[in-house]
PDB file of N, CA and C in Angstrom:
ATOM      1  N   MET A   1      25.541  19.353  21.420  1.00  0.00           N
ATOM      2  CA  MET A   1      24.683  19.695  20.317  1.00  0.00           C
ATOM      3  C   MET A   1      24.432  21.198  20.253  1.00  0.00           C
ATOM      4  N   GLY A   2      24.488  21.888  21.364  1.00  0.00           N
ATOM      5  CA  GLY A   2      24.190  23.315  21.412  1.00  0.00           C
ATOM      6  C   GLY A   2      25.162  24.150  20.599  1.00  0.00           C
ATOM      7  N   VAL A   3      26.458  23.866  20.721  1.00  0.00           N
ATOM      8  CA  VAL A   3      27.465  24.655  20.006  1.00  0.00           C
ATOM      9  C   VAL A   3      27.395  24.395  18.508  1.00  0.00           C
ATOM     10  N   SER A   4      27.229  23.141  18.118  1.00  0.00           N
ATOM     11  CA  SER A   4      27.166  22.840  16.690  1.00  0.00           C
ATOM     12  C   SER A   4      25.895  23.406  16.065  1.00  0.00           C
ATOM     13  N   LEU A   5      24.783  23.452  16.815  1.00  0.00           N
ATOM     14  CA  LEU A   5      23.553  24.046  16.306  1.00  0.00           C
ATOM     15  C   LEU A   5      23.734  25.544  16.101  1.00  0.00           C
ATOM     16  N   ILE A   6      24.363  26.208  17.046  1.00  0.00           N
ATOM     17  CA  ILE A   6      24.602  27.650  16.920  1.00  0.00           C
ATOM     18  C   ILE A   6      25.563  27.930  15.769  1.00  0.00           C
ATOM     19  N   ASP A   7      26.591  27.114  15.622  1.00  0.00           N
ATOM     20  CA  ASP A   7      27.512  27.275  14.496  1.00  0.00           C
ATOM     21  C   ASP A   7      26.791  27.073  13.161  1.00  0.00           C
ATOM     22  N   GLY A   8      25.951  26.066  13.095  1.00  0.00           N
ATOM     23  CA  GLY A   8      25.195  25.807  11.874  1.00  0.00           C
ATOM     24  C   GLY A   8      24.240  26.944  11.537  1.00  0.00           C
ATOM     25  N   LEU A   9      23.550  27.474  12.544  1.00  0.00           N
ATOM     26  CA  LEU A   9      22.654  28.611  12.310  1.00  0.00           C
ATOM     27  C   LEU A   9      23.417  29.856  11.888  1.00  0.00           C
ATOM     28  N   PHE A  10      24.609  30.049  12.433  1.00  0.00           N
ATOM     29  CA  PHE A  10      25.433  31.187  12.054  1.00  0.00           C
ATOM     30  C   PHE A  10      25.864  31.089  10.592  1.00  0.00           C
ATOM     31  N   VAL A  11      26.293  29.901  10.178  1.00  0.00           N
ATOM     32  CA  VAL A  11      26.681  29.688   8.777  1.00  0.00           C
ATOM     33  C   VAL A  11      25.474  29.883   7.863  1.00  0.00           C
ATOM     34  N   PHE A  12      24.312  29.366   8.267  1.00  0.00           N
ATOM     35  CA  PHE A  12      23.095  29.532   7.476  1.00  0.00           C
ATOM     36  C   PHE A  12      22.735  31.004   7.325  1.00  0.00           C
ATOM     37  N   MET A  13      22.841  31.765   8.412  1.00  0.00           N
ATOM     38  CA  MET A  13      22.517  33.188   8.370  1.00  0.00           C
ATOM     39  C   MET A  13      23.492  33.942   7.464  1.00  0.00           C
ATOM     40  N   LEU A  14      24.772  33.649   7.570  1.00  0.00           N
ATOM     41  CA  LEU A  14      25.759  34.297   6.697  1.00  0.00           C
ATOM     42  C   LEU A  14      25.525  33.946   5.230  1.00  0.00           C
ATOM     43  N   ALA A  15      25.225  32.683   4.950  1.00  0.00           N
ATOM     44  CA  ALA A  15      24.959  32.267   3.569  1.00  0.00           C
ATOM     45  C   ALA A  15      23.723  32.978   3.023  1.00  0.00           C
ATOM     46  N   GLY A  16      22.726  33.158   3.854  1.00  0.00           N
ATOM     47  CA  GLY A  16      21.523  33.874   3.426  1.00  0.00           C
ATOM     48  C   GLY A  16      21.809  35.317   3.078  1.00  0.00           C
ATOM     49  N   PHE A  17      22.560  36.012   3.923  1.00  0.00           N
ATOM     50  CA  PHE A  17      22.892  37.411   3.653  1.00  0.00           C
ATOM     51  C   PHE A  17      23.771  37.561   2.411  1.00  0.00           C
ATOM     52  N   ILE A  18      24.769  36.706   2.292  1.00  0.00           N
ATOM     53  CA  ILE A  18      25.666  36.775   1.130  1.00  0.00           C
ATOM     54  C   ILE A  18      24.902  36.441  -0.149  1.00  0.00           C
ATOM     55  N   GLY A  19      24.070  35.397  -0.109  1.00  0.00           N
ATOM     56  CA  GLY A  19      23.275  35.031  -1.274  1.00  0.00           C
ATOM     57  C   GLY A  19      22.332  36.140  -1.694  1.00  0.00           C
ATOM     58  N   PHE A  20      21.701  36.801  -0.729  1.00  0.00           N
ATOM     59  CA  PHE A  20      20.791  37.901  -1.042  1.00  0.00           C
ATOM     60  C   PHE A  20      21.543  39.054  -1.708  1.00  0.00           C
ATOM     61  N   GLU A  21      22.702  39.397  -1.197  1.00  0.00           N
ATOM     62  CA  GLU A  21      23.476  40.505  -1.776  1.00  0.00           C
ATOM     63  C   GLU A  21      23.975  40.172  -3.178  1.00  0.00           C
ATOM     64  N   VAL A  22      24.359  38.928  -3.415  1.00  0.00           N
ATOM     65  CA  VAL A  22      24.837  38.532  -4.749  1.00  0.00           C
ATOM     66  C   VAL A  22      23.688  38.557  -5.747  1.00  0.00           C
ATOM     67  N   ILE A  23      22.551  37.986  -5.385  1.00  0.00           N
ATOM     68  CA  ILE A  23      21.401  37.905  -6.289  1.00  0.00           C
ATOM     69  C   ILE A  23      20.828  39.293  -6.570  1.00  0.00           C
ATOM     70  N   LYS A  24      20.861  40.166  -5.586  1.00  0.00           N
ATOM     71  CA  LYS A  24      20.285  41.502  -5.740  1.00  0.00           C
ATOM     72  C   LYS A  24      20.994  42.302  -6.838  1.00  0.00           C
ATOM     73  N   ARG A  25      22.267  42.042  -7.067  1.00  0.00           N
ATOM     74  CA  ARG A  25      23.057  42.832  -8.007  1.00  0.00           C
ATOM     75  C   ARG A  25      23.107  42.234  -9.422  1.00  0.00           C
ATOM     76  N   ILE A  26      22.374  41.175  -9.688  1.00  0.00           N
ATOM     77  CA  ILE A  26      22.426  40.523 -10.998  1.00  0.00           C
ATOM     78  C   ILE A  26      21.448  41.187 -11.951  1.00  0.00           C
ATOM     79  N   SER A  27      21.891  41.352 -13.192  1.00  0.00           N
ATOM     80  CA  SER A  27      21.068  41.949 -14.231  1.00  0.00           C
ATOM     81  C   SER A  27      19.846  41.081 -14.513  1.00  0.00           C
ATOM     82  N   PRO A  28      18.684  41.691 -14.800  1.00  0.00           N
ATOM     83  CA  PRO A  28      17.485  40.896 -15.115  1.00  0.00           C
ATOM     84  C   PRO A  28      17.662  39.989 -16.339  1.00  0.00           C
ATOM     85  N   LEU A  29      18.581  40.304 -17.232  1.00  0.00           N
ATOM     86  CA  LEU A  29      18.812  39.466 -18.407  1.00  0.00           C
ATOM     87  C   LEU A  29      19.397  38.106 -18.044  1.00  0.00           C
ATOM     88  N   LEU A  30      20.011  38.017 -16.885  1.00  0.00           N
ATOM     89  CA  LEU A  30      20.656  36.765 -16.483  1.00  0.00           C
ATOM     90  C   LEU A  30      19.776  35.897 -15.591  1.00  0.00           C
ATOM     91  N   HIS A  31      18.535  36.288 -15.369  1.00  0.00           N
ATOM     92  CA  HIS A  31      17.705  35.541 -14.431  1.00  0.00           C
ATOM     93  C   HIS A  31      17.365  34.136 -14.914  1.00  0.00           C
ATOM     94  N   THR A  32      17.142  33.938 -16.223  1.00  0.00           N
ATOM     95  CA  THR A  32      16.808  32.598 -16.710  1.00  0.00           C
ATOM     96  C   THR A  32      17.972  31.628 -16.523  1.00  0.00           C
ATOM     97  N   PRO A  33      19.204  31.977 -16.941  1.00  0.00           N
ATOM     98  CA  PRO A  33      20.313  31.049 -16.665  1.00  0.00           C
ATOM     99  C   PRO A  33      20.564  30.870 -15.174  1.00  0.00           C
ATOM    100  N   LEU A  34      20.347  31.909 -14.408  1.00  0.00           N
ATOM    101  CA  LEU A  34      20.552  31.819 -12.965  1.00  0.00           C
ATOM    102  C   LEU A  34      19.534  30.875 -12.335  1.00  0.00           C
ATOM    103  N   MET A  35      18.295  30.896 -12.827  1.00  0.00           N
ATOM    104  CA  MET A  35      17.275  29.987 -12.309  1.00  0.00           C
ATOM    105  C   MET A  35      17.669  28.538 -12.578  1.00  0.00           C
ATOM    106  N   SER A  36      18.245  28.268 -13.744  1.00  0.00           N
ATOM    107  CA  SER A  36      18.662  26.902 -14.054  1.00  0.00           C
ATOM    108  C   SER A  36      19.762  26.442 -13.110  1.00  0.00           C
ATOM    109  N   ILE A  37      20.671  27.331 -12.786  1.00  0.00           N
ATOM    110  CA  ILE A  37      21.757  26.983 -11.867  1.00  0.00           C
ATOM    111  C   ILE A  37      21.215  26.747 -10.460  1.00  0.00           C
ATOM    112  N   THR A  38      20.289  27.587 -10.028  1.00  0.00           N
ATOM    113  CA  THR A  38      19.755  27.405  -8.678  1.00  0.00           C
ATOM    114  C   THR A  38      18.919  26.131  -8.583  1.00  0.00           C
ATOM    115  N   ASN A  39      18.289  25.723  -9.684  1.00  0.00           N
ATOM    116  CA  ASN A  39      17.571  24.441  -9.664  1.00  0.00           C
ATOM    117  C   ASN A  39      18.542  23.297  -9.435  1.00  0.00           C
ATOM    118  N   ALA A  40      19.700  23.351 -10.060  1.00  0.00           N
ATOM    119  CA  ALA A  40      20.706  22.306  -9.861  1.00  0.00           C
ATOM    120  C   ALA A  40      21.227  22.324  -8.418  1.00  0.00           C
ATOM    121  N   LEU A  41      21.429  23.500  -7.868  1.00  0.00           N
ATOM    122  CA  LEU A  41      21.895  23.589  -6.479  1.00  0.00           C
ATOM    123  C   LEU A  41      20.837  23.083  -5.504  1.00  0.00           C
ATOM    124  N   ASP A  42      19.568  23.344  -5.798  1.00  0.00           N
ATOM    125  CA  ASP A  42      18.513  22.845  -4.925  1.00  0.00           C
ATOM    126  C   ASP A  42      18.427  21.330  -4.982  1.00  0.00           C
ATOM    127  N   ALA A  43      18.738  20.745  -6.124  1.00  0.00           N
ATOM    128  CA  ALA A  43      18.758  19.281  -6.214  1.00  0.00           C
ATOM    129  C   ALA A  43      19.824  18.710  -5.283  1.00  0.00           C
ATOM    130  N   ILE A  44      20.953  19.385  -5.190  1.00  0.00           N
ATOM    131  CA  ILE A  44      22.002  18.961  -4.265  1.00  0.00           C
ATOM    132  C   ILE A  44      21.517  19.105  -2.817  1.00  0.00           C
ATOM    133  N   ALA A  45      20.757  20.167  -2.533  1.00  0.00           N
ATOM    134  CA  ALA A  45      20.214  20.367  -1.188  1.00  0.00           C
ATOM    135  C   ALA A  45      19.217  19.268  -0.833  1.00  0.00           C
ATOM    136  N   VAL A  46      18.428  18.816  -1.803  1.00  0.00           N
ATOM    137  CA  VAL A  46      17.476  17.727  -1.549  1.00  0.00           C
ATOM    138  C   VAL A  46      18.232  16.449  -1.197  1.00  0.00           C
ATOM    139  N   ILE A  47      19.292  16.157  -1.929  1.00  0.00           N
ATOM    140  CA  ILE A  47      20.078  14.949  -1.649  1.00  0.00           C
ATOM    141  C   ILE A  47      20.691  15.026  -0.251  1.00  0.00           C
ATOM    142  N   GLY A  48      21.243  16.182   0.102  1.00  0.00           N
ATOM    143  CA  GLY A  48      21.809  16.353   1.440  1.00  0.00           C
ATOM    144  C   GLY A  48      20.762  16.210   2.534  1.00  0.00           C
ATOM    145  N   ALA A  49      19.574  16.732   2.289  1.00  0.00           N
ATOM    146  CA  ALA A  49      18.507  16.620   3.280  1.00  0.00           C
ATOM    147  C   ALA A  49      18.031  15.182   3.416  1.00  0.00           C
ATOM    148  N   ILE A  50      17.989  14.447   2.306  1.00  0.00           N
ATOM    149  CA  ILE A  50      17.592  13.037   2.374  1.00  0.00           C
ATOM    150  C   ILE A  50      18.614  12.247   3.194  1.00  0.00           C
ATOM    151  N   VAL A  51      19.889  12.541   3.004  1.00  0.00           N
ATOM    152  CA  VAL A  51      20.931  11.875   3.793  1.00  0.00           C
ATOM    153  C   VAL A  51      20.766  12.215   5.274  1.00  0.00           C
ATOM    154  N   LEU A  52      20.476  13.479   5.571  1.00  0.00           N
ATOM    155  CA  LEU A  52      20.282  13.902   6.959  1.00  0.00           C
ATOM    156  C   LEU A  52      19.097  13.190   7.596  1.00  0.00           C
ATOM    157  N   VAL A  53      17.995  13.095   6.874  1.00  0.00           N
ATOM    158  CA  VAL A  53      16.805  12.422   7.402  1.00  0.00           C
ATOM    159  C   VAL A  53      17.075  10.932   7.587  1.00  0.00           C
ATOM    160  N   GLY A  54      17.816  10.333   6.672  1.00  0.00           N
ATOM    161  CA  GLY A  54      18.085   8.901   6.732  1.00  0.00           C
ATOM    162  C   GLY A  54      18.966   8.487   7.895  1.00  0.00           C
ATOM    163  N   ARG A  55      19.714   9.399   8.448  1.00  0.00           N
ATOM    164  CA  ARG A  55      20.605   9.050   9.572  1.00  0.00           C
ATOM    165  C   ARG A  55      19.863   8.853  10.889  1.00  0.00           C
ATOM    166  N   HIS A  56      18.746   9.524  11.092  1.00  0.00           N
ATOM    167  CA  HIS A  56      17.962   9.448  12.328  1.00  0.00           C
ATOM    168  C   HIS A  56      18.823   9.768  13.553  1.00  0.00           C
ATOM    169  N   GLU A  57      19.640  10.812  13.467  1.00  0.00           N
ATOM    170  CA  GLU A  57      20.498  11.170  14.604  1.00  0.00           C
ATOM    171  C   GLU A  57      19.677  11.711  15.771  1.00  0.00           C
ATOM    172  N   SER A  58      18.735  12.579  15.462  1.00  0.00           N
ATOM    173  CA  SER A  58      17.871  13.116  16.509  1.00  0.00           C
ATOM    174  C   SER A  58      16.535  13.506  15.886  1.00  0.00           C
ATOM    175  N   ARG A  59      15.582  13.746  16.744  1.00  0.00           N
ATOM    176  CA  ARG A  59      14.254  14.150  16.251  1.00  0.00           C
ATOM    177  C   ARG A  59      14.328  15.510  15.570  1.00  0.00           C
ATOM    178  N   LEU A  60      15.133  16.432  16.112  1.00  0.00           N
ATOM    179  CA  LEU A  60      15.272  17.762  15.521  1.00  0.00           C
ATOM    180  C   LEU A  60      15.895  17.684  14.133  1.00  0.00           C
ATOM    181  N   SER A  61      16.922  16.866  13.959  1.00  0.00           N
ATOM    182  CA  SER A  61      17.550  16.748  12.643  1.00  0.00           C
ATOM    183  C   SER A  61      16.588  16.116  11.638  1.00  0.00           C
ATOM    184  N   PHE A  62      15.738  15.191  12.104  1.00  0.00           N
ATOM    185  CA  PHE A  62      14.745  14.585  11.220  1.00  0.00           C
ATOM    186  C   PHE A  62      13.726  15.628  10.761  1.00  0.00           C
ATOM    187  N   ILE A  63      13.226  16.431  11.692  1.00  0.00           N
ATOM    188  CA  ILE A  63      12.227  17.453  11.356  1.00  0.00           C
ATOM    189  C   ILE A  63      12.830  18.513  10.438  1.00  0.00           C
ATOM    190  N   LEU A  64      14.032  18.985  10.768  1.00  0.00           N
ATOM    191  CA  LEU A  64      14.682  19.990   9.914  1.00  0.00           C
ATOM    192  C   LEU A  64      15.010  19.425   8.539  1.00  0.00           C
ATOM    193  N   GLY A  65      15.394  18.159   8.488  1.00  0.00           N
ATOM    194  CA  GLY A  65      15.664  17.518   7.205  1.00  0.00           C
ATOM    195  C   GLY A  65      14.413  17.410   6.351  1.00  0.00           C
ATOM    196  N   MET A  66      13.297  17.041   6.964  1.00  0.00           N
ATOM    197  CA  MET A  66      12.034  16.957   6.218  1.00  0.00           C
ATOM    198  C   MET A  66      11.608  18.341   5.720  1.00  0.00           C
ATOM    199  N   LEU A  67      11.763  19.348   6.554  1.00  0.00           N
ATOM    200  CA  LEU A  67      11.444  20.714   6.108  1.00  0.00           C
ATOM    201  C   LEU A  67      12.352  21.140   4.952  1.00  0.00           C
ATOM    202  N   ALA A  68      13.623  20.744   5.019  1.00  0.00           N
ATOM    203  CA  ALA A  68      14.554  21.075   3.932  1.00  0.00           C
ATOM    204  C   ALA A  68      14.164  20.364   2.644  1.00  0.00           C
ATOM    205  N   ILE A  69      13.734  19.113   2.751  1.00  0.00           N
ATOM    206  CA  ILE A  69      13.299  18.381   1.559  1.00  0.00           C
ATOM    207  C   ILE A  69      12.086  19.063   0.931  1.00  0.00           C
ATOM    208  N   ILE A  70      11.118  19.424   1.753  1.00  0.00           N
ATOM    209  CA  ILE A  70       9.902  20.070   1.246  1.00  0.00           C
ATOM    210  C   ILE A  70      10.231  21.418   0.621  1.00  0.00           C
ATOM    211  N   ALA A  71      11.039  22.238   1.305  1.00  0.00           N
ATOM    212  CA  ALA A  71      11.362  23.568   0.803  1.00  0.00           C
ATOM    213  C   ALA A  71      12.168  23.501  -0.492  1.00  0.00           C
ATOM    214  N   ALA A  72      13.179  22.657  -0.533  1.00  0.00           N
ATOM    215  CA  ALA A  72      14.019  22.571  -1.725  1.00  0.00           C
ATOM    216  C   ALA A  72      13.252  21.977  -2.903  1.00  0.00           C
ATOM    217  N   THR A  73      12.401  20.995  -2.648  1.00  0.00           N
ATOM    218  CA  THR A  73      11.615  20.405  -3.735  1.00  0.00           C
ATOM    219  C   THR A  73      10.630  21.419  -4.305  1.00  0.00           C
ATOM    220  N   SER A  74       9.962  22.167  -3.435  1.00  0.00           N
ATOM    221  CA  SER A  74       9.043  23.193  -3.942  1.00  0.00           C
ATOM    222  C   SER A  74       9.795  24.283  -4.689  1.00  0.00           C
ATOM    223  N   ASN A  75      11.002  24.580  -4.268  1.00  0.00           N
ATOM    224  CA  ASN A  75      11.813  25.577  -4.959  1.00  0.00           C
ATOM    225  C   ASN A  75      12.232  25.065  -6.337  1.00  0.00           C
ATOM    226  N   ILE A  76      12.557  23.786  -6.444  1.00  0.00           N
ATOM    227  CA  ILE A  76      12.928  23.204  -7.736  1.00  0.00           C
ATOM    228  C   ILE A  76      11.739  23.251  -8.695  1.00  0.00           C
ATOM    229  N   VAL A  77      10.579  22.805  -8.222  1.00  0.00           N
ATOM    230  CA  VAL A  77       9.392  22.781  -9.080  1.00  0.00           C
ATOM    231  C   VAL A  77       9.015  24.195  -9.513  1.00  0.00           C
ATOM    232  N   GLY A  78       9.000  25.123  -8.577  1.00  0.00           N
ATOM    233  CA  GLY A  78       8.695  26.514  -8.916  1.00  0.00           C
ATOM    234  C   GLY A  78       9.708  27.109  -9.872  1.00  0.00           C
ATOM    235  N   GLY A  79      10.976  26.783  -9.680  1.00  0.00           N
ATOM    236  CA  GLY A  79      12.020  27.295 -10.566  1.00  0.00           C
ATOM    237  C   GLY A  79      11.859  26.793 -11.984  1.00  0.00           C
ATOM    238  N   PHE A  80      11.541  25.501 -12.131  1.00  0.00           N
ATOM    239  CA  PHE A  80      11.323  24.967 -13.473  1.00  0.00           C
ATOM    240  C   PHE A  80      10.087  25.584 -14.120  1.00  0.00           C
ATOM    241  N   LEU A  81       9.024  25.800 -13.355  1.00  0.00           N
ATOM    242  CA  LEU A  81       7.827  26.410 -13.915  1.00  0.00           C
ATOM    243  C   LEU A  81       8.100  27.846 -14.376  1.00  0.00           C
ATOM    244  N   ILE A  82       8.825  28.601 -13.571  1.00  0.00           N
ATOM    245  CA  ILE A  82       9.140  29.980 -13.936  1.00  0.00           C
ATOM    246  C   ILE A  82      10.081  30.018 -15.133  1.00  0.00           C
ATOM    247  N   THR A  83      11.093  29.149 -15.150  1.00  0.00           N
ATOM    248  CA  THR A  83      12.025  29.109 -16.277  1.00  0.00           C
ATOM    249  C   THR A  83      11.292  28.742 -17.559  1.00  0.00           C
ATOM    250  N   ASP A  84      10.397  27.760 -17.491  1.00  0.00           N
ATOM    251  CA  ASP A  84       9.635  27.365 -18.674  1.00  0.00           C
ATOM    252  C   ASP A  84       8.764  28.521 -19.162  1.00  0.00           C
ATOM    253  N   ARG A  85       8.145  29.216 -18.247  1.00  0.00           N
ATOM    254  CA  ARG A  85       7.300  30.357 -18.625  1.00  0.00           C
ATOM    255  C   ARG A  85       8.130  31.467 -19.262  1.00  0.00           C
ATOM    256  N   MET A  86       9.304  31.728 -18.723  1.00  0.00           N
ATOM    257  CA  MET A  86      10.165  32.767 -19.294  1.00  0.00           C
ATOM    258  C   MET A  86      10.667  32.370 -20.680  1.00  0.00           C
ATOM    259  N   LEU A  87      11.000  31.096 -20.868  1.00  0.00           N
ATOM    260  CA  LEU A  87      11.478  30.649 -22.173  1.00  0.00           C
ATOM    261  C   LEU A  87      10.371  30.679 -23.219  1.00  0.00           C
ATOM    262  N   LYS A  88       9.129  30.459 -22.817  1.00  0.00           N
ATOM    263  CA  LYS A  88       8.009  30.545 -23.754  1.00  0.00           C
ATOM    264  C   LYS A  88       7.808  31.969 -24.264  1.00  0.00           C
ATOM    265  N   MET A  89       8.231  32.961 -23.501  1.00  0.00           N
ATOM    266  CA  MET A  89       8.103  34.352 -23.936  1.00  0.00           C
ATOM    267  C   MET A  89       8.994  34.640 -25.139  1.00  0.00           C
ATOM    268  N   PHE A  90      10.074  33.872 -25.301  1.00  0.00           N
ATOM    269  CA  PHE A  90      11.000  34.105 -26.396  1.00  0.00           C
ATOM    270  C   PHE A  90      10.605  33.364 -27.671  1.00  0.00           C
ATOM    271  N   LYS A  91       9.664  32.445 -27.592  1.00  0.00           N
ATOM    272  CA  LYS A  91       9.236  31.701 -28.759  1.00  0.00           C
ATOM    273  C   LYS A  91       8.319  32.553 -29.616  1.00  0.00           C
ATOM    274  N   SER A  92       8.425  32.395 -30.909  1.00  0.00           N
ATOM    275  CA  SER A  92       7.594  33.154 -31.844  1.00  0.00           C
ATOM    276  C   SER A  92       6.188  32.581 -31.857  1.00  0.00           C
ATOM    277  N   SER A  93       5.202  33.461 -31.881  1.00  0.00           N
ATOM    278  CA  SER A  93       3.814  33.002 -31.915  1.00  0.00           C
ATOM    279  C   SER A  93       3.348  32.791 -33.362  1.00  0.00           C
ATOM    280  N   ARG A  94       4.159  33.213 -34.351  1.00  0.00           N
ATOM    281  CA  ARG A  94       3.804  33.026 -35.756  1.00  0.00           C
ATOM    282  C   ARG A  94       4.091  31.585 -36.179  1.00  0.00           C
ATOM    283  N   PRO A  95       3.206  31.004 -36.991  1.00  0.00           N
ATOM    284  CA  PRO A  95       3.495  29.646 -37.475  1.00  0.00           C
ATOM    285  C   PRO A  95       4.661  29.661 -38.447  1.00  0.00           C
ATOM    286  N   THR A  96       5.438  28.617 -38.419  1.00  0.00           N
ATOM    287  CA  THR A  96       6.595  28.521 -39.337  1.00  0.00           C
ATOM    288  C   THR A  96       6.146  27.997 -40.686  1.00  0.00           C
ATOM    289  N   LYS A  97       6.842  28.442 -41.724  1.00  0.00           N
ATOM    290  CA  LYS A  97       6.517  27.987 -43.083  1.00  0.00           C
ATOM    291  C   LYS A  97       7.234  26.674 -43.350  1.00  0.00           C
ATOM    292  N   SER A  98       6.481  25.715 -43.871  1.00  0.00           N
ATOM    293  CA  SER A  98       7.071  24.411 -44.166  1.00  0.00           C
ATOM    294  C   SER A  98       7.205  24.213 -45.654  1.00  0.00           C
TER     295      SER A  98
END
């Protein structure tokens, strides 16, 4: 378990650094579509974490899976709230003529 845990942490660390560098260089105009894409990716992370928790391989995998479910779910909810707020900024506040 020690080698696979270290390999997994190494992949996680590399993904974090690469993700940070990619996101840092994106234009602010693309943040709303990017938020929608990341919400979809977080949904995939929730499904993967649920599968991990359901296996009951070890206590550590159960705890990490539960933390992943909580983190990804809060990220999805926050992403939808921010996207909705940003989209409301583009709506006209003037009443439409009927």
